[in-house]
Amino acid sequence: MDVDMTQLGDVLARLKRVQGQLGGIIKMIEDGRDCAAVVTQLAAASKALDKAGFKIIASGLQQCMAVEDSGSRGVDVAELERLFLSLA
């Protein structure tokens, strides 16, 4: 996928935060923390990952879904739907 990296700075920042969050979740489990707190953090990390995926799809829509058609580019709606649903 050819996505302009300047458009994805916030996605990279979000993913780095999630990376730290996952380390914290692992520590919580190792320390025997409350189940509800662990699940709450897992849900937050999952939501952040979903948002990153949606941002990547939105930012790279043309590059991701480009269809060659007489030199013009278009969007394959079925493929776009499949990508969005893969995050659901």
PDB file of N, CA and C in Angstrom:
ATOM      1  N   MET A   1       0.857  -1.176   0.000  1.00  0.00           N
ATOM      2  CA  MET A   1       0.000   0.000   0.000  1.00  0.00           C
ATOM      3  C   MET A   1       0.896   1.229   0.000  1.00  0.00           C
ATOM      4  N   ASP A   2       0.655   2.123  -0.933  1.00  0.00           N
ATOM      5  CA  ASP A   2       1.417   3.365  -1.017  1.00  0.00           C
ATOM      6  C   ASP A   2       0.601   4.494  -0.424  1.00  0.00           C
ATOM      7  N   VAL A   3       0.836   4.758   0.847  1.00  0.00           N
ATOM      8  CA  VAL A   3       0.150   5.847   1.531  1.00  0.00           C
ATOM      9  C   VAL A   3       1.192   6.903   1.873  1.00  0.00           C
ATOM     10  N   ASP A   4       0.863   8.153   1.645  1.00  0.00           N
ATOM     11  CA  ASP A   4       1.762   9.257   1.963  1.00  0.00           C
ATOM     12  C   ASP A   4       2.028   9.260   3.462  1.00  0.00           C
ATOM     13  N   MET A   5       3.280   9.046   3.839  1.00  0.00           N
ATOM     14  CA  MET A   5       3.636   8.929   5.255  1.00  0.00           C
ATOM     15  C   MET A   5       3.371  10.211   6.039  1.00  0.00           C
ATOM     16  N   THR A   6       3.375  11.363   5.374  1.00  0.00           N
ATOM     17  CA  THR A   6       3.095  12.602   6.096  1.00  0.00           C
ATOM     18  C   THR A   6       1.664  12.622   6.617  1.00  0.00           C
ATOM     19  N   GLN A   7       0.780  11.888   5.964  1.00  0.00           N
ATOM     20  CA  GLN A   7      -0.615  11.823   6.406  1.00  0.00           C
ATOM     21  C   GLN A   7      -0.801  10.859   7.568  1.00  0.00           C
ATOM     22  N   LEU A   8       0.202  10.048   7.829  1.00  0.00           N
ATOM     23  CA  LEU A   8       0.044   8.999   8.833  1.00  0.00           C
ATOM     24  C   LEU A   8       0.812   9.256  10.124  1.00  0.00           C
ATOM     25  N   GLY A   9       1.293  10.471  10.319  1.00  0.00           N
ATOM     26  CA  GLY A   9       2.014  10.791  11.547  1.00  0.00           C
ATOM     27  C   GLY A   9       1.195  10.527  12.793  1.00  0.00           C
ATOM     28  N   ASP A  10      -0.074  10.916  12.766  1.00  0.00           N
ATOM     29  CA  ASP A  10      -0.921  10.686  13.932  1.00  0.00           C
ATOM     30  C   ASP A  10      -1.211   9.203  14.129  1.00  0.00           C
ATOM     31  N   VAL A  11      -1.247   8.433  13.041  1.00  0.00           N
ATOM     32  CA  VAL A  11      -1.457   6.987  13.166  1.00  0.00           C
ATOM     33  C   VAL A  11      -0.247   6.356  13.845  1.00  0.00           C
ATOM     34  N   LEU A  12       0.947   6.749  13.437  1.00  0.00           N
ATOM     35  CA  LEU A  12       2.151   6.214  14.071  1.00  0.00           C
ATOM     36  C   LEU A  12       2.206   6.570  15.544  1.00  0.00           C
ATOM     37  N   ALA A  13       1.843   7.796  15.878  1.00  0.00           N
ATOM     38  CA  ALA A  13       1.815   8.209  17.289  1.00  0.00           C
ATOM     39  C   ALA A  13       0.808   7.365  18.064  1.00  0.00           C
ATOM     40  N   ARG A  14      -0.354   7.135  17.483  1.00  0.00           N
ATOM     41  CA  ARG A  14      -1.385   6.328  18.138  1.00  0.00           C
ATOM     42  C   ARG A  14      -0.887   4.900  18.351  1.00  0.00           C
ATOM     43  N   LEU A  15      -0.246   4.335  17.346  1.00  0.00           N
ATOM     44  CA  LEU A  15       0.249   2.964  17.457  1.00  0.00           C
ATOM     45  C   LEU A  15       1.357   2.854  18.502  1.00  0.00           C
ATOM     46  N   LYS A  16       2.192   3.874  18.616  1.00  0.00           N
ATOM     47  CA  LYS A  16       3.230   3.857  19.646  1.00  0.00           C
ATOM     48  C   LYS A  16       2.621   3.928  21.041  1.00  0.00           C
ATOM     49  N   ARG A  17       1.530   4.711  21.182  1.00  0.00           N
ATOM     50  CA  ARG A  17       0.834   4.755  22.479  1.00  0.00           C
ATOM     51  C   ARG A  17       0.227   3.397  22.804  1.00  0.00           C
ATOM     52  N   VAL A  18      -0.354   2.745  21.793  1.00  0.00           N
ATOM     53  CA  VAL A  18      -0.947   1.420  22.000  1.00  0.00           C
ATOM     54  C   VAL A  18       0.145   0.424  22.388  1.00  0.00           C
ATOM     55  N   GLN A  19       1.299   0.547  21.754  1.00  0.00           N
ATOM     56  CA  GLN A  19       2.413  -0.334  22.090  1.00  0.00           C
ATOM     57  C   GLN A  19       2.762  -0.208  23.576  1.00  0.00           C
ATOM     58  N   GLY A  20       2.835   1.020  24.065  1.00  0.00           N
ATOM     59  CA  GLY A  20       3.089   1.247  25.487  1.00  0.00           C
ATOM     60  C   GLY A  20       1.954   0.735  26.354  1.00  0.00           C
ATOM     61  N   GLN A  21       0.739   0.927  25.868  1.00  0.00           N
ATOM     62  CA  GLN A  21      -0.435   0.473  26.601  1.00  0.00           C
ATOM     63  C   GLN A  21      -0.426  -1.046  26.735  1.00  0.00           C
ATOM     64  N   LEU A  22      -0.023  -1.746  25.683  1.00  0.00           N
ATOM     65  CA  LEU A  22       0.041  -3.211  25.738  1.00  0.00           C
ATOM     66  C   LEU A  22       1.081  -3.672  26.752  1.00  0.00           C
ATOM     67  N   GLY A  23       2.200  -2.965  26.810  1.00  0.00           N
ATOM     68  CA  GLY A  23       3.197  -3.283  27.831  1.00  0.00           C
ATOM     69  C   GLY A  23       2.624  -3.117  29.228  1.00  0.00           C
ATOM     70  N   GLY A  24       1.834  -2.070  29.407  1.00  0.00           N
ATOM     71  CA  GLY A  24       1.186  -1.837  30.694  1.00  0.00           C
ATOM     72  C   GLY A  24       0.179  -2.920  31.030  1.00  0.00           C
ATOM     73  N   ILE A  25      -0.549  -3.374  30.032  1.00  0.00           N
ATOM     74  CA  ILE A  25      -1.541  -4.438  30.241  1.00  0.00           C
ATOM     75  C   ILE A  25      -0.838  -5.730  30.642  1.00  0.00           C
ATOM     76  N   ILE A  26       0.256  -6.037  29.972  1.00  0.00           N
ATOM     77  CA  ILE A  26       1.020  -7.242  30.319  1.00  0.00           C
ATOM     78  C   ILE A  26       1.486  -7.157  31.771  1.00  0.00           C
ATOM     79  N   LYS A  27       1.999  -6.003  32.158  1.00  0.00           N
ATOM     80  CA  LYS A  27       2.448  -5.802  33.545  1.00  0.00           C
ATOM     81  C   LYS A  27       1.285  -5.952  34.525  1.00  0.00           C
ATOM     82  N   MET A  28       0.120  -5.416  34.143  1.00  0.00           N
ATOM     83  CA  MET A  28      -1.059  -5.537  35.006  1.00  0.00           C
ATOM     84  C   MET A  28      -1.395  -7.009  35.253  1.00  0.00           C
ATOM     85  N   ILE A  29      -1.334  -7.798  34.206  1.00  0.00           N
ATOM     86  CA  ILE A  29      -1.651  -9.229  34.325  1.00  0.00           C
ATOM     87  C   ILE A  29      -0.600  -9.919  35.186  1.00  0.00           C
ATOM     88  N   GLU A  30       0.678  -9.612  34.911  1.00  0.00           N
ATOM     89  CA  GLU A  30       1.762 -10.222  35.698  1.00  0.00           C
ATOM     90  C   GLU A  30       1.671  -9.857  37.171  1.00  0.00           C
ATOM     91  N   ASP A  31       1.186  -8.651  37.465  1.00  0.00           N
ATOM     92  CA  ASP A  31       1.058  -8.189  38.845  1.00  0.00           C
ATOM     93  C   ASP A  31      -0.239  -8.656  39.503  1.00  0.00           C
ATOM     94  N   GLY A  32      -1.073  -9.369  38.743  1.00  0.00           N
ATOM     95  CA  GLY A  32      -2.321  -9.882  39.304  1.00  0.00           C
ATOM     96  C   GLY A  32      -3.380  -8.814  39.529  1.00  0.00           C
ATOM     97  N   ARG A  33      -3.362  -7.784  38.703  1.00  0.00           N
ATOM     98  CA  ARG A  33      -4.328  -6.689  38.848  1.00  0.00           C
ATOM     99  C   ARG A  33      -5.754  -7.168  38.594  1.00  0.00           C
ATOM    100  N   ASP A  34      -6.682  -6.361  39.036  1.00  0.00           N
ATOM    101  CA  ASP A  34      -8.104  -6.644  38.913  1.00  0.00           C
ATOM    102  C   ASP A  34      -8.494  -6.909  37.463  1.00  0.00           C
ATOM    103  N   CYS A  35      -9.289  -7.941  37.276  1.00  0.00           N
ATOM    104  CA  CYS A  35      -9.732  -8.363  35.947  1.00  0.00           C
ATOM    105  C   CYS A  35     -10.448  -7.230  35.201  1.00  0.00           C
ATOM    106  N   ALA A  36     -11.300  -6.509  35.889  1.00  0.00           N
ATOM    107  CA  ALA A  36     -12.063  -5.437  35.248  1.00  0.00           C
ATOM    108  C   ALA A  36     -11.132  -4.343  34.722  1.00  0.00           C
ATOM    109  N   ALA A  37     -10.086  -4.030  35.470  1.00  0.00           N
ATOM    110  CA  ALA A  37      -9.135  -3.009  35.039  1.00  0.00           C
ATOM    111  C   ALA A  37      -8.372  -3.471  33.799  1.00  0.00           C
ATOM    112  N   VAL A  38      -7.989  -4.740  33.778  1.00  0.00           N
ATOM    113  CA  VAL A  38      -7.275  -5.298  32.627  1.00  0.00           C
ATOM    114  C   VAL A  38      -8.170  -5.262  31.391  1.00  0.00           C
ATOM    115  N   VAL A  39      -9.405  -5.692  31.541  1.00  0.00           N
ATOM    116  CA  VAL A  39     -10.328  -5.711  30.407  1.00  0.00           C
ATOM    117  C   VAL A  39     -10.609  -4.298  29.907  1.00  0.00           C
ATOM    118  N   THR A  40     -10.728  -3.347  30.811  1.00  0.00           N
ATOM    119  CA  THR A  40     -10.944  -1.949  30.421  1.00  0.00           C
ATOM    120  C   THR A  40      -9.783  -1.454  29.570  1.00  0.00           C
ATOM    121  N   GLN A  41      -8.562  -1.769  29.970  1.00  0.00           N
ATOM    122  CA  GLN A  41      -7.387  -1.355  29.208  1.00  0.00           C
ATOM    123  C   GLN A  41      -7.297  -2.079  27.871  1.00  0.00           C
ATOM    124  N   LEU A  42      -7.665  -3.354  27.853  1.00  0.00           N
ATOM    125  CA  LEU A  42      -7.691  -4.103  26.588  1.00  0.00           C
ATOM    126  C   LEU A  42      -8.691  -3.488  25.612  1.00  0.00           C
ATOM    127  N   ALA A  43      -9.852  -3.108  26.119  1.00  0.00           N
ATOM    128  CA  ALA A  43     -10.867  -2.494  25.263  1.00  0.00           C
ATOM    129  C   ALA A  43     -10.371  -1.165  24.704  1.00  0.00           C
ATOM    130  N   ALA A  44      -9.688  -0.383  25.524  1.00  0.00           N
ATOM    131  CA  ALA A  44      -9.154   0.903  25.066  1.00  0.00           C
ATOM    132  C   ALA A  44      -8.091   0.692  23.990  1.00  0.00           C
ATOM    133  N   ALA A  45      -7.224  -0.281  24.174  1.00  0.00           N
ATOM    134  CA  ALA A  45      -6.188  -0.569  23.185  1.00  0.00           C
ATOM    135  C   ALA A  45      -6.807  -1.056  21.881  1.00  0.00           C
ATOM    136  N   SER A  46      -7.810  -1.894  21.987  1.00  0.00           N
ATOM    137  CA  SER A  46      -8.499  -2.404  20.806  1.00  0.00           C
ATOM    138  C   SER A  46      -9.155  -1.271  20.018  1.00  0.00           C
ATOM    139  N   LYS A  47      -9.793  -0.371  20.720  1.00  0.00           N
ATOM    140  CA  LYS A  47     -10.446   0.772  20.070  1.00  0.00           C
ATOM    141  C   LYS A  47      -9.417   1.662  19.371  1.00  0.00           C
ATOM    142  N   ALA A  48      -8.284   1.871  20.015  1.00  0.00           N
ATOM    143  CA  ALA A  48      -7.226   2.689  19.421  1.00  0.00           C
ATOM    144  C   ALA A  48      -6.674   2.032  18.157  1.00  0.00           C
ATOM    145  N   LEU A  49      -6.526   0.718  18.177  1.00  0.00           N
ATOM    146  CA  LEU A  49      -6.071   0.005  16.980  1.00  0.00           C
ATOM    147  C   LEU A  49      -7.085   0.126  15.849  1.00  0.00           C
ATOM    148  N   ASP A  50      -8.360   0.005  16.185  1.00  0.00           N
ATOM    149  CA  ASP A  50      -9.409   0.156  15.170  1.00  0.00           C
ATOM    150  C   ASP A  50      -9.360   1.548  14.539  1.00  0.00           C
ATOM    151  N   LYS A  51      -9.206   2.568  15.371  1.00  0.00           N
ATOM    152  CA  LYS A  51      -9.140   3.934  14.860  1.00  0.00           C
ATOM    153  C   LYS A  51      -7.937   4.113  13.941  1.00  0.00           C
ATOM    154  N   ALA A  52      -6.825   3.504  14.294  1.00  0.00           N
ATOM    155  CA  ALA A  52      -5.638   3.582  13.441  1.00  0.00           C
ATOM    156  C   ALA A  52      -5.910   2.924  12.091  1.00  0.00           C
ATOM    157  N   GLY A  53      -6.570   1.785  12.113  1.00  0.00           N
ATOM    158  CA  GLY A  53      -6.909   1.102  10.860  1.00  0.00           C
ATOM    159  C   GLY A  53      -7.835   1.928   9.990  1.00  0.00           C
ATOM    160  N   PHE A  54      -8.846   2.526  10.595  1.00  0.00           N
ATOM    161  CA  PHE A  54      -9.776   3.367   9.832  1.00  0.00           C
ATOM    162  C   PHE A  54      -9.055   4.572   9.243  1.00  0.00           C
ATOM    163  N   LYS A  55      -8.125   5.144  10.001  1.00  0.00           N
ATOM    164  CA  LYS A  55      -7.380   6.307   9.514  1.00  0.00           C
ATOM    165  C   LYS A  55      -6.502   5.920   8.332  1.00  0.00           C
ATOM    166  N   ILE A  56      -5.877   4.756   8.406  1.00  0.00           N
ATOM    167  CA  ILE A  56      -5.049   4.293   7.296  1.00  0.00           C
ATOM    168  C   ILE A  56      -5.899   4.095   6.051  1.00  0.00           C
ATOM    169  N   ILE A  57      -7.063   3.494   6.215  1.00  0.00           N
ATOM    170  CA  ILE A  57      -7.947   3.283   5.070  1.00  0.00           C
ATOM    171  C   ILE A  57      -8.395   4.616   4.495  1.00  0.00           C
ATOM    172  N   ALA A  58      -8.789   5.536   5.366  1.00  0.00           N
ATOM    173  CA  ALA A  58      -9.262   6.837   4.898  1.00  0.00           C
ATOM    174  C   ALA A  58      -8.140   7.619   4.221  1.00  0.00           C
ATOM    175  N   SER A  59      -6.939   7.589   4.796  1.00  0.00           N
ATOM    176  CA  SER A  59      -5.813   8.339   4.250  1.00  0.00           C
ATOM    177  C   SER A  59      -5.333   7.769   2.925  1.00  0.00           C
ATOM    178  N   GLY A  60      -5.403   6.472   2.808  1.00  0.00           N
ATOM    179  CA  GLY A  60      -4.875   5.841   1.610  1.00  0.00           C
ATOM    180  C   GLY A  60      -5.928   5.307   0.681  1.00  0.00           C
ATOM    181  N   LEU A  61      -7.112   5.865   0.741  1.00  0.00           N
ATOM    182  CA  LEU A  61      -8.230   5.347  -0.036  1.00  0.00           C
ATOM    183  C   LEU A  61      -7.886   5.210  -1.517  1.00  0.00           C
ATOM    184  N   GLN A  62      -7.394   6.241  -2.115  1.00  0.00           N
ATOM    185  CA  GLN A  62      -7.095   6.179  -3.540  1.00  0.00           C
ATOM    186  C   GLN A  62      -5.968   5.198  -3.845  1.00  0.00           C
ATOM    187  N   GLN A  63      -4.916   5.203  -3.025  1.00  0.00           N
ATOM    188  CA  GLN A  63      -3.803   4.302  -3.257  1.00  0.00           C
ATOM    189  C   GLN A  63      -4.197   2.849  -2.981  1.00  0.00           C
ATOM    190  N   CYS A  64      -4.963   2.671  -1.937  1.00  0.00           N
ATOM    191  CA  CYS A  64      -5.366   1.337  -1.506  1.00  0.00           C
ATOM    192  C   CYS A  64      -6.346   0.707  -2.486  1.00  0.00           C
ATOM    193  N   MET A  65      -7.239   1.513  -2.997  1.00  0.00           N
ATOM    194  CA  MET A  65      -8.358   1.000  -3.772  1.00  0.00           C
ATOM    195  C   MET A  65      -8.263   1.365  -5.247  1.00  0.00           C
ATOM    196  N   ALA A  66      -7.100   1.782  -5.686  1.00  0.00           N
ATOM    197  CA  ALA A  66      -6.962   2.221  -7.070  1.00  0.00           C
ATOM    198  C   ALA A  66      -7.273   1.076  -8.034  1.00  0.00           C
ATOM    199  N   VAL A  67      -8.024   1.413  -9.045  1.00  0.00           N
ATOM    200  CA  VAL A  67      -8.358   0.462 -10.098  1.00  0.00           C
ATOM    201  C   VAL A  67      -7.983   1.111 -11.412  1.00  0.00           C
ATOM    202  N   GLU A  68      -7.129   0.457 -12.166  1.00  0.00           N
ATOM    203  CA  GLU A  68      -6.736   0.997 -13.466  1.00  0.00           C
ATOM    204  C   GLU A  68      -7.887   0.828 -14.442  1.00  0.00           C
ATOM    205  N   ASP A  69      -8.290   1.927 -15.031  1.00  0.00           N
ATOM    206  CA  ASP A  69      -9.395   1.890 -15.996  1.00  0.00           C
ATOM    207  C   ASP A  69      -9.148   2.985 -17.019  1.00  0.00           C
ATOM    208  N   SER A  70      -8.514   2.627 -18.099  1.00  0.00           N
ATOM    209  CA  SER A  70      -8.191   3.582 -19.160  1.00  0.00           C
ATOM    210  C   SER A  70      -7.371   4.751 -18.618  1.00  0.00           C
ATOM    211  N   GLY A  71      -6.443   4.458 -17.736  1.00  0.00           N
ATOM    212  CA  GLY A  71      -5.584   5.502 -17.195  1.00  0.00           C
ATOM    213  C   GLY A  71      -6.196   6.277 -16.047  1.00  0.00           C
ATOM    214  N   SER A  72      -7.470   6.079 -15.755  1.00  0.00           N
ATOM    215  CA  SER A  72      -8.083   6.785 -14.633  1.00  0.00           C
ATOM    216  C   SER A  72      -8.109   5.874 -13.420  1.00  0.00           C
ATOM    217  N   ARG A  73      -8.277   6.477 -12.273  1.00  0.00           N
ATOM    218  CA  ARG A  73      -8.307   5.707 -11.036  1.00  0.00           C
ATOM    219  C   ARG A  73      -9.703   5.786 -10.443  1.00  0.00           C
ATOM    220  N   GLY A  74     -10.153   4.676  -9.914  1.00  0.00           N
ATOM    221  CA  GLY A  74     -11.458   4.633  -9.286  1.00  0.00           C
ATOM    222  C   GLY A  74     -11.403   3.863  -7.993  1.00  0.00           C
ATOM    223  N   VAL A  75     -12.531   3.755  -7.340  1.00  0.00           N
ATOM    224  CA  VAL A  75     -12.612   3.055  -6.061  1.00  0.00           C
ATOM    225  C   VAL A  75     -13.479   1.826  -6.238  1.00  0.00           C
ATOM    226  N   ASP A  76     -12.972   0.681  -5.815  1.00  0.00           N
ATOM    227  CA  ASP A  76     -13.726  -0.564  -5.819  1.00  0.00           C
ATOM    228  C   ASP A  76     -14.521  -0.604  -4.510  1.00  0.00           C
ATOM    229  N   VAL A  77     -15.794  -0.327  -4.593  1.00  0.00           N
ATOM    230  CA  VAL A  77     -16.632  -0.194  -3.402  1.00  0.00           C
ATOM    231  C   VAL A  77     -16.688  -1.494  -2.608  1.00  0.00           C
ATOM    232  N   ALA A  78     -16.762  -2.626  -3.287  1.00  0.00           N
ATOM    233  CA  ALA A  78     -16.829  -3.906  -2.581  1.00  0.00           C
ATOM    234  C   ALA A  78     -15.549  -4.149  -1.779  1.00  0.00           C
ATOM    235  N   GLU A  79     -14.401  -3.813  -2.352  1.00  0.00           N
ATOM    236  CA  GLU A  79     -13.139  -3.992  -1.640  1.00  0.00           C
ATOM    237  C   GLU A  79     -13.040  -3.030  -0.460  1.00  0.00           C
ATOM    238  N   LEU A  80     -13.504  -1.802  -0.653  1.00  0.00           N
ATOM    239  CA  LEU A  80     -13.517  -0.831   0.436  1.00  0.00           C
ATOM    240  C   LEU A  80     -14.389  -1.336   1.582  1.00  0.00           C
ATOM    241  N   GLU A  81     -15.554  -1.850   1.268  1.00  0.00           N
ATOM    242  CA  GLU A  81     -16.445  -2.398   2.302  1.00  0.00           C
ATOM    243  C   GLU A  81     -15.770  -3.549   3.034  1.00  0.00           C
ATOM    244  N   ARG A  82     -15.082  -4.410   2.298  1.00  0.00           N
ATOM    245  CA  ARG A  82     -14.396  -5.544   2.915  1.00  0.00           C
ATOM    246  C   ARG A  82     -13.333  -5.052   3.902  1.00  0.00           C
ATOM    247  N   LEU A  83     -12.568  -4.026   3.518  1.00  0.00           N
ATOM    248  CA  LEU A  83     -11.539  -3.493   4.410  1.00  0.00           C
ATOM    249  C   LEU A  83     -12.130  -2.921   5.684  1.00  0.00           C
ATOM    250  N   PHE A  84     -13.206  -2.136   5.539  1.00  0.00           N
ATOM    251  CA  PHE A  84     -13.838  -1.571   6.725  1.00  0.00           C
ATOM    252  C   PHE A  84     -14.406  -2.659   7.619  1.00  0.00           C
ATOM    253  N   LEU A  85     -15.051  -3.650   7.037  1.00  0.00           N
ATOM    254  CA  LEU A  85     -15.642  -4.722   7.838  1.00  0.00           C
ATOM    255  C   LEU A  85     -14.581  -5.583   8.511  1.00  0.00           C
ATOM    256  N   SER A  86     -13.394  -5.638   7.921  1.00  0.00           N
ATOM    257  CA  SER A  86     -12.331  -6.422   8.554  1.00  0.00           C
ATOM    258  C   SER A  86     -11.924  -5.828   9.905  1.00  0.00           C
ATOM    259  N   LEU A  87     -12.208  -4.546  10.089  1.00  0.00           N
ATOM    260  CA  LEU A  87     -11.905  -3.892  11.376  1.00  0.00           C
ATOM    261  C   LEU A  87     -13.068  -3.960  12.348  1.00  0.00           C
ATOM    262  N   ALA A  88     -14.216  -4.378  11.889  1.00  0.00           N
ATOM    263  CA  ALA A  88     -15.410  -4.399  12.753  1.00  0.00           C
ATOM    264  C   ALA A  88     -15.411  -5.620  13.650  1.00  0.00           C
TER     265      ALA A  88
END
